[in-house]
N, C-alpha and C. Protein backbone atom coordinates (compact mmCIF):
# COMPACT_ATOMS: atom_id res chain seq x y z
N MET A 1 2.24 -94.48 40.87
CA MET A 1 1.12 -94.18 39.99
C MET A 1 -0.23 -94.25 40.72
N MET A 2 -0.35 -95.32 41.52
CA MET A 2 -1.67 -95.49 42.31
C MET A 2 -1.88 -94.31 43.32
N PHE A 3 -0.77 -93.82 43.92
CA PHE A 3 -0.84 -92.72 44.86
C PHE A 3 -1.36 -91.48 44.11
N THR A 4 -0.74 -91.21 42.96
CA THR A 4 -1.17 -90.02 42.14
C THR A 4 -2.64 -90.16 41.77
N SER A 5 -3.06 -91.35 41.32
CA SER A 5 -4.42 -91.52 40.88
C SER A 5 -5.39 -91.31 41.99
N ALA A 6 -4.97 -91.75 43.17
CA ALA A 6 -5.86 -91.58 44.34
C ALA A 6 -5.97 -90.06 44.66
N LEU A 7 -4.88 -89.35 44.64
CA LEU A 7 -5.00 -87.96 44.90
C LEU A 7 -5.86 -87.24 43.83
N LEU A 8 -5.65 -87.61 42.58
CA LEU A 8 -6.42 -87.00 41.52
C LEU A 8 -7.89 -87.36 41.57
N GLY A 9 -8.16 -88.52 41.90
CA GLY A 9 -9.53 -89.01 42.03
C GLY A 9 -10.26 -88.32 43.23
N LEU A 10 -9.51 -88.16 44.32
CA LEU A 10 -10.03 -87.43 45.53
C LEU A 10 -10.27 -86.02 45.19
N PHE A 11 -9.36 -85.39 44.53
CA PHE A 11 -9.48 -83.91 44.16
C PHE A 11 -10.75 -83.78 43.28
N LEU A 12 -10.89 -84.53 42.26
CA LEU A 12 -12.05 -84.45 41.37
C LEU A 12 -13.37 -84.75 42.08
N SER A 13 -13.32 -85.73 42.94
CA SER A 13 -14.57 -86.09 43.81
C SER A 13 -14.89 -84.83 44.67
N ALA A 14 -13.97 -84.28 45.27
CA ALA A 14 -14.21 -83.09 46.16
C ALA A 14 -14.68 -81.84 45.37
N PHE A 15 -14.13 -81.71 44.19
CA PHE A 15 -14.40 -80.60 43.28
C PHE A 15 -15.85 -80.67 42.88
N VAL A 16 -16.22 -81.81 42.34
CA VAL A 16 -17.56 -82.01 41.87
C VAL A 16 -18.57 -81.90 42.93
N ALA A 17 -18.18 -82.48 44.16
CA ALA A 17 -19.19 -82.51 45.31
C ALA A 17 -19.48 -81.09 45.73
N ALA A 18 -18.56 -80.15 45.51
CA ALA A 18 -18.79 -78.81 45.99
C ALA A 18 -19.61 -77.96 44.98
N THR A 19 -19.65 -78.40 43.80
CA THR A 19 -20.52 -77.73 42.79
C THR A 19 -21.93 -78.19 43.03
N LEU A 20 -22.79 -77.69 42.16
CA LEU A 20 -24.17 -77.96 42.36
C LEU A 20 -24.59 -79.36 41.78
N LEU A 21 -23.57 -80.08 41.28
CA LEU A 21 -23.84 -81.46 40.80
C LEU A 21 -23.85 -82.43 42.00
N PRO A 22 -24.64 -83.46 41.93
CA PRO A 22 -24.67 -84.35 43.12
C PRO A 22 -23.43 -85.31 43.11
N ALA A 23 -22.75 -85.29 44.17
CA ALA A 23 -21.58 -86.12 44.34
C ALA A 23 -21.23 -86.22 45.82
N GLN A 24 -20.36 -87.14 46.18
CA GLN A 24 -19.98 -87.38 47.55
C GLN A 24 -18.46 -87.47 47.64
N SER A 25 -17.86 -86.73 48.49
CA SER A 25 -16.39 -86.78 48.56
C SER A 25 -15.87 -87.36 49.94
N GLU A 26 -16.76 -87.31 50.93
CA GLU A 26 -16.35 -87.76 52.25
C GLU A 26 -16.04 -89.27 52.21
N LEU A 27 -16.92 -90.02 51.48
CA LEU A 27 -16.57 -91.47 51.34
C LEU A 27 -15.33 -91.75 50.67
N ALA A 28 -14.94 -91.02 49.67
CA ALA A 28 -13.72 -91.14 48.98
C ALA A 28 -12.57 -91.01 49.89
N LEU A 29 -12.57 -89.85 50.65
CA LEU A 29 -11.45 -89.56 51.59
C LEU A 29 -11.47 -90.70 52.70
N ALA A 30 -12.60 -91.05 53.33
CA ALA A 30 -12.57 -92.05 54.30
C ALA A 30 -12.07 -93.38 53.81
N GLY A 31 -12.58 -93.77 52.57
CA GLY A 31 -12.09 -95.02 52.07
C GLY A 31 -10.60 -95.08 51.80
N LEU A 32 -10.01 -94.02 51.26
CA LEU A 32 -8.59 -93.96 51.14
C LEU A 32 -7.77 -94.04 52.44
N LEU A 33 -8.30 -93.39 53.46
CA LEU A 33 -7.58 -93.40 54.71
C LEU A 33 -7.72 -94.69 55.40
N ILE A 34 -8.98 -95.26 55.37
CA ILE A 34 -9.18 -96.58 56.00
C ILE A 34 -8.31 -97.65 55.22
N GLY A 35 -8.15 -97.40 53.98
CA GLY A 35 -7.24 -98.40 53.21
C GLY A 35 -5.75 -98.14 53.43
N GLY A 36 -5.41 -97.23 54.34
CA GLY A 36 -4.00 -97.00 54.69
C GLY A 36 -3.26 -95.97 53.87
N MET A 37 -3.89 -95.24 53.02
CA MET A 37 -3.15 -94.17 52.21
C MET A 37 -2.66 -93.14 53.18
N GLU A 38 -1.41 -92.74 52.94
CA GLU A 38 -0.77 -91.70 53.69
C GLU A 38 0.03 -90.83 52.81
N PRO A 39 0.44 -89.61 53.23
CA PRO A 39 0.23 -89.01 54.52
C PRO A 39 -1.23 -88.41 54.57
N VAL A 40 -1.85 -88.54 55.73
CA VAL A 40 -3.21 -88.15 55.97
C VAL A 40 -3.33 -86.63 55.66
N TRP A 41 -2.41 -85.76 56.15
CA TRP A 41 -2.50 -84.37 55.90
C TRP A 41 -2.68 -83.98 54.38
N LEU A 42 -1.92 -84.77 53.58
CA LEU A 42 -2.01 -84.44 52.15
C LEU A 42 -3.38 -84.82 51.53
N PHE A 43 -3.94 -85.86 51.99
CA PHE A 43 -5.33 -86.22 51.50
C PHE A 43 -6.34 -85.25 51.99
N VAL A 44 -6.16 -84.81 53.19
CA VAL A 44 -7.08 -83.77 53.73
C VAL A 44 -6.91 -82.44 52.96
N ALA A 45 -5.64 -82.07 52.62
CA ALA A 45 -5.41 -80.85 51.89
C ALA A 45 -5.97 -80.90 50.47
N VAL A 46 -5.79 -82.06 49.81
CA VAL A 46 -6.22 -82.18 48.47
C VAL A 46 -7.78 -82.14 48.40
N ALA A 47 -8.41 -82.86 49.35
CA ALA A 47 -9.90 -82.81 49.38
C ALA A 47 -10.37 -81.37 49.61
N THR A 48 -9.75 -80.68 50.59
CA THR A 48 -10.12 -79.35 50.90
C THR A 48 -9.93 -78.37 49.67
N LEU A 49 -8.78 -78.48 49.07
CA LEU A 49 -8.54 -77.66 47.96
C LEU A 49 -9.59 -77.89 46.80
N GLY A 50 -9.81 -79.13 46.49
CA GLY A 50 -10.83 -79.47 45.40
C GLY A 50 -12.18 -78.93 45.87
N ASN A 51 -12.64 -79.07 47.09
CA ASN A 51 -13.87 -78.64 47.55
C ASN A 51 -14.03 -77.15 47.53
N VAL A 52 -13.00 -76.46 47.94
CA VAL A 52 -13.02 -74.98 47.99
C VAL A 52 -13.06 -74.45 46.52
N LEU A 53 -12.33 -75.07 45.59
CA LEU A 53 -12.41 -74.61 44.21
C LEU A 53 -13.76 -74.94 43.64
N GLY A 54 -14.37 -75.98 43.96
CA GLY A 54 -15.73 -76.29 43.48
C GLY A 54 -16.69 -75.22 43.94
N SER A 55 -16.50 -74.77 45.18
CA SER A 55 -17.37 -73.70 45.77
C SER A 55 -17.12 -72.45 45.10
N CYS A 56 -15.91 -72.20 44.66
CA CYS A 56 -15.57 -71.00 43.88
C CYS A 56 -16.36 -70.91 42.50
N VAL A 57 -16.56 -72.13 41.91
CA VAL A 57 -17.34 -72.23 40.73
C VAL A 57 -18.79 -71.77 41.00
N ASN A 58 -19.33 -72.14 42.16
CA ASN A 58 -20.68 -71.71 42.54
C ASN A 58 -20.71 -70.24 42.76
N TRP A 59 -19.72 -69.62 43.43
CA TRP A 59 -19.67 -68.24 43.62
C TRP A 59 -19.66 -67.51 42.25
N LEU A 60 -18.86 -68.01 41.29
CA LEU A 60 -18.82 -67.35 39.96
C LEU A 60 -20.14 -67.51 39.29
N LEU A 61 -20.81 -68.64 39.40
CA LEU A 61 -22.14 -68.78 38.80
C LEU A 61 -23.14 -67.74 39.37
N GLY A 62 -23.05 -67.54 40.70
CA GLY A 62 -23.92 -66.54 41.32
C GLY A 62 -23.54 -65.13 40.86
N ARG A 63 -22.24 -64.92 40.84
CA ARG A 63 -21.81 -63.53 40.51
C ARG A 63 -22.01 -63.13 39.05
N PHE A 64 -21.77 -63.98 38.15
CA PHE A 64 -21.79 -63.64 36.73
C PHE A 64 -22.87 -64.30 35.88
N PHE A 65 -23.53 -65.34 36.38
CA PHE A 65 -24.53 -66.03 35.51
C PHE A 65 -25.92 -66.03 36.13
N ASN A 66 -26.16 -65.20 37.12
CA ASN A 66 -27.44 -65.13 37.76
C ASN A 66 -28.61 -64.75 36.77
N HIS A 67 -28.25 -64.01 35.83
CA HIS A 67 -29.29 -63.64 34.87
C HIS A 67 -29.94 -64.81 34.13
N PHE A 68 -29.25 -65.97 34.21
CA PHE A 68 -29.80 -67.17 33.57
C PHE A 68 -30.60 -68.01 34.55
N GLN A 69 -30.89 -67.56 35.72
CA GLN A 69 -31.50 -68.45 36.79
C GLN A 69 -32.88 -68.92 36.35
N ASP A 70 -33.59 -68.32 35.44
CA ASP A 70 -34.95 -68.80 35.01
C ASP A 70 -34.84 -69.83 33.90
N ARG A 71 -33.65 -70.12 33.43
CA ARG A 71 -33.48 -71.11 32.36
C ARG A 71 -33.59 -72.44 32.93
N SER A 72 -34.00 -73.48 32.18
CA SER A 72 -34.21 -74.84 32.70
C SER A 72 -32.91 -75.47 33.02
N TRP A 73 -31.77 -75.12 32.35
CA TRP A 73 -30.45 -75.70 32.56
C TRP A 73 -29.75 -75.17 33.80
N PHE A 74 -30.23 -74.05 34.37
CA PHE A 74 -29.57 -73.46 35.50
C PHE A 74 -29.54 -74.43 36.59
N PRO A 75 -28.39 -74.68 37.27
CA PRO A 75 -28.26 -75.82 38.20
C PRO A 75 -29.04 -75.82 39.51
N ILE A 76 -29.74 -74.68 39.78
CA ILE A 76 -30.39 -74.61 41.12
C ILE A 76 -31.79 -74.01 40.86
N LYS A 77 -32.78 -74.58 41.49
CA LYS A 77 -34.17 -74.20 41.27
C LYS A 77 -34.37 -72.91 42.13
N ARG A 78 -35.27 -72.06 41.60
CA ARG A 78 -35.57 -70.77 42.22
C ARG A 78 -35.88 -70.86 43.75
N ASN A 79 -36.79 -71.88 44.09
CA ASN A 79 -37.16 -71.93 45.51
C ASN A 79 -36.03 -72.31 46.43
N ARG A 80 -35.12 -73.12 46.05
CA ARG A 80 -33.91 -73.39 46.84
C ARG A 80 -33.05 -72.09 46.94
N LEU A 81 -32.93 -71.41 45.82
CA LEU A 81 -32.11 -70.22 45.74
C LEU A 81 -32.71 -69.14 46.69
N GLN A 82 -34.00 -68.97 46.71
CA GLN A 82 -34.65 -68.04 47.57
C GLN A 82 -34.43 -68.39 48.98
N LYS A 83 -34.60 -69.65 49.35
CA LYS A 83 -34.43 -70.00 50.78
C LYS A 83 -32.93 -69.75 51.23
N ALA A 84 -31.96 -70.07 50.41
CA ALA A 84 -30.59 -69.79 50.71
C ALA A 84 -30.33 -68.25 50.88
N GLU A 85 -30.96 -67.54 49.95
CA GLU A 85 -30.76 -66.08 49.98
C GLU A 85 -31.33 -65.51 51.32
N LEU A 86 -32.49 -65.95 51.71
CA LEU A 86 -33.06 -65.50 53.02
C LEU A 86 -32.09 -65.82 54.20
N TRP A 87 -31.52 -67.02 54.21
CA TRP A 87 -30.54 -67.32 55.24
C TRP A 87 -29.37 -66.36 55.21
N TYR A 88 -28.90 -66.19 53.93
CA TYR A 88 -27.72 -65.36 53.78
C TYR A 88 -27.98 -63.91 54.10
N ARG A 89 -29.14 -63.41 53.77
CA ARG A 89 -29.48 -62.02 54.17
C ARG A 89 -29.68 -61.90 55.75
N LYS A 90 -30.17 -62.92 56.33
CA LYS A 90 -30.46 -62.84 57.76
C LYS A 90 -29.20 -63.01 58.55
N TYR A 91 -28.29 -63.99 58.21
CA TYR A 91 -27.19 -64.22 59.01
C TYR A 91 -25.86 -63.74 58.47
N GLY A 92 -25.86 -63.28 57.19
CA GLY A 92 -24.69 -62.70 56.61
C GLY A 92 -23.65 -63.79 56.21
N ARG A 93 -22.40 -63.29 56.00
CA ARG A 93 -21.32 -64.15 55.46
C ARG A 93 -21.03 -65.38 56.32
N TRP A 94 -21.45 -65.35 57.54
CA TRP A 94 -21.11 -66.44 58.46
C TRP A 94 -21.97 -67.71 58.13
N THR A 95 -22.97 -67.52 57.31
CA THR A 95 -23.68 -68.72 56.87
C THR A 95 -22.75 -69.57 56.00
N LEU A 96 -21.72 -68.99 55.43
CA LEU A 96 -20.78 -69.78 54.71
C LEU A 96 -20.09 -70.89 55.51
N LEU A 97 -20.10 -70.77 56.83
CA LEU A 97 -19.50 -71.81 57.70
C LEU A 97 -20.31 -73.08 57.48
N LEU A 98 -21.58 -72.98 56.90
CA LEU A 98 -22.34 -74.10 56.61
C LEU A 98 -22.19 -74.65 55.20
N SER A 99 -21.22 -74.08 54.49
CA SER A 99 -20.98 -74.44 53.08
C SER A 99 -20.61 -75.93 52.92
N TRP A 100 -20.25 -76.61 53.98
CA TRP A 100 -19.88 -78.00 53.96
C TRP A 100 -21.16 -78.91 54.01
N ALA A 101 -22.26 -78.36 54.43
CA ALA A 101 -23.49 -79.13 54.76
C ALA A 101 -24.20 -79.53 53.47
N PRO A 102 -24.68 -80.83 53.48
CA PRO A 102 -25.53 -81.26 52.27
C PRO A 102 -26.73 -80.40 52.15
N VAL A 103 -27.19 -80.32 51.02
CA VAL A 103 -28.41 -79.64 50.52
C VAL A 103 -28.32 -78.10 50.62
N ILE A 104 -27.91 -77.59 51.77
CA ILE A 104 -27.95 -76.07 51.83
C ILE A 104 -26.60 -75.44 51.58
N GLY A 105 -25.49 -76.20 51.67
CA GLY A 105 -24.11 -75.61 51.45
C GLY A 105 -23.89 -75.12 50.09
N ASP A 106 -24.20 -75.82 49.06
CA ASP A 106 -23.94 -75.36 47.69
C ASP A 106 -24.78 -74.16 47.27
N PRO A 107 -26.11 -74.15 47.60
CA PRO A 107 -26.85 -72.90 47.29
C PRO A 107 -26.31 -71.65 48.04
N LEU A 108 -25.84 -71.88 49.26
CA LEU A 108 -25.30 -70.78 49.97
C LEU A 108 -24.04 -70.21 49.27
N THR A 109 -23.18 -70.98 48.70
CA THR A 109 -22.05 -70.51 48.02
C THR A 109 -22.42 -69.76 46.76
N LEU A 110 -23.47 -70.23 46.09
CA LEU A 110 -24.02 -69.53 44.95
C LEU A 110 -24.56 -68.23 45.28
N VAL A 111 -25.33 -68.13 46.34
CA VAL A 111 -25.97 -66.88 46.81
C VAL A 111 -24.87 -65.92 47.25
N ALA A 112 -23.76 -66.36 47.82
CA ALA A 112 -22.74 -65.42 48.14
C ALA A 112 -22.20 -64.75 46.94
N GLY A 113 -22.05 -65.39 45.84
CA GLY A 113 -21.73 -64.64 44.53
C GLY A 113 -22.84 -63.75 44.08
N LEU A 114 -23.97 -64.26 44.17
CA LEU A 114 -25.18 -63.43 43.75
C LEU A 114 -25.23 -62.14 44.54
N LEU A 115 -24.96 -62.19 45.79
CA LEU A 115 -25.11 -61.03 46.69
C LEU A 115 -23.71 -60.31 46.77
N ARG A 116 -22.80 -60.66 45.96
CA ARG A 116 -21.53 -60.02 45.78
C ARG A 116 -20.60 -60.05 47.09
N GLU A 117 -20.61 -61.15 47.72
CA GLU A 117 -19.76 -61.36 48.86
C GLU A 117 -18.32 -61.13 48.36
N PRO A 118 -17.47 -60.41 49.03
CA PRO A 118 -16.13 -60.20 48.51
C PRO A 118 -15.43 -61.56 48.45
N PHE A 119 -14.77 -61.78 47.32
CA PHE A 119 -14.19 -63.08 47.04
C PHE A 119 -13.17 -63.52 48.12
N GLY A 120 -12.38 -62.66 48.70
CA GLY A 120 -11.48 -62.93 49.71
C GLY A 120 -12.03 -63.43 50.99
N PHE A 121 -13.10 -62.82 51.51
CA PHE A 121 -13.86 -63.31 52.66
C PHE A 121 -14.45 -64.64 52.33
N PHE A 122 -15.08 -64.78 51.09
CA PHE A 122 -15.71 -65.96 50.72
C PHE A 122 -14.73 -67.15 50.81
N VAL A 123 -13.64 -67.10 50.11
CA VAL A 123 -12.63 -68.16 50.16
C VAL A 123 -12.16 -68.45 51.58
N LEU A 124 -11.86 -67.45 52.39
CA LEU A 124 -11.37 -67.74 53.78
C LEU A 124 -12.45 -68.51 54.56
N ILE A 125 -13.73 -68.03 54.53
CA ILE A 125 -14.73 -68.74 55.37
C ILE A 125 -14.99 -70.09 54.88
N VAL A 126 -15.12 -70.30 53.51
CA VAL A 126 -15.37 -71.58 52.91
C VAL A 126 -14.16 -72.54 53.25
N PHE A 127 -13.01 -72.07 53.14
CA PHE A 127 -11.80 -72.79 53.39
C PHE A 127 -11.89 -73.46 54.85
N ILE A 128 -12.23 -72.54 55.74
CA ILE A 128 -12.29 -72.91 57.23
C ILE A 128 -13.37 -74.06 57.36
N ALA A 129 -14.49 -73.85 56.78
CA ALA A 129 -15.66 -74.78 56.88
C ALA A 129 -15.25 -76.05 56.27
N LYS A 130 -14.64 -76.11 55.06
CA LYS A 130 -14.36 -77.38 54.32
C LYS A 130 -13.20 -78.09 55.01
N LEU A 131 -12.25 -77.30 55.49
CA LEU A 131 -11.09 -78.00 56.12
C LEU A 131 -11.60 -78.69 57.48
N ALA A 132 -12.36 -77.99 58.20
CA ALA A 132 -12.95 -78.56 59.48
C ALA A 132 -13.66 -79.86 59.18
N ARG A 133 -14.45 -79.84 58.14
CA ARG A 133 -15.27 -81.00 57.81
C ARG A 133 -14.39 -82.18 57.41
N TYR A 134 -13.39 -81.92 56.60
CA TYR A 134 -12.48 -83.06 56.19
C TYR A 134 -11.57 -83.52 57.32
N ILE A 135 -11.26 -82.61 58.28
CA ILE A 135 -10.47 -83.07 59.48
C ILE A 135 -11.39 -84.05 60.27
N VAL A 136 -12.67 -83.76 60.50
CA VAL A 136 -13.52 -84.61 61.22
C VAL A 136 -13.71 -85.94 60.48
N VAL A 137 -13.88 -85.84 59.17
CA VAL A 137 -14.01 -87.13 58.32
C VAL A 137 -12.73 -87.98 58.47
N ALA A 138 -11.55 -87.30 58.38
CA ALA A 138 -10.35 -88.14 58.48
C ALA A 138 -10.12 -88.70 59.87
N ALA A 139 -10.50 -87.90 60.90
CA ALA A 139 -10.32 -88.38 62.31
C ALA A 139 -11.25 -89.61 62.52
N THR A 140 -12.42 -89.53 61.99
CA THR A 140 -13.48 -90.64 62.13
C THR A 140 -12.97 -91.83 61.45
N ALA A 141 -12.46 -91.63 60.19
CA ALA A 141 -12.00 -92.73 59.39
C ALA A 141 -10.82 -93.46 60.02
N LEU A 142 -9.89 -92.67 60.60
CA LEU A 142 -8.72 -93.26 61.19
C LEU A 142 -9.09 -94.10 62.46
N GLN A 143 -10.15 -93.57 63.17
CA GLN A 143 -10.68 -94.34 64.33
C GLN A 143 -11.19 -95.69 63.90
N LEU A 144 -11.80 -95.74 62.66
CA LEU A 144 -12.41 -96.97 62.19
C LEU A 144 -11.30 -97.94 61.58
N ALA A 145 -10.19 -97.36 61.19
CA ALA A 145 -9.19 -98.15 60.50
C ALA A 145 -8.52 -99.22 61.47
């Protein structure tokens, strides 16, 4: 039961962290691994899956709900959205390799939907970025354990 709860908690943490809501998933993964939870690959996979799915929510927001961007409840302010859009237009889909980064990563995934990045490319690039980040987090945590 504790193992399942740990996986579910990690998934939810990673999912929320990838949306435009403020959350942190790296500490959850590191804490579980430092605490001896295994298998490591499963925890990395669950965190990656949750984080990629959360980014897909951002893509959907950009793709289908952009016409609400001037509303007060829209999760990202216009100036951050414009900055991310400039980056995306300048460097293209490869900016999604920064989707793991704090502050700029979430707006980039929203802009990808806004600019109609094909979903298959979006998922592939975001998956690579998120997986790489969690591998680094896991390796660092295991060094500390």
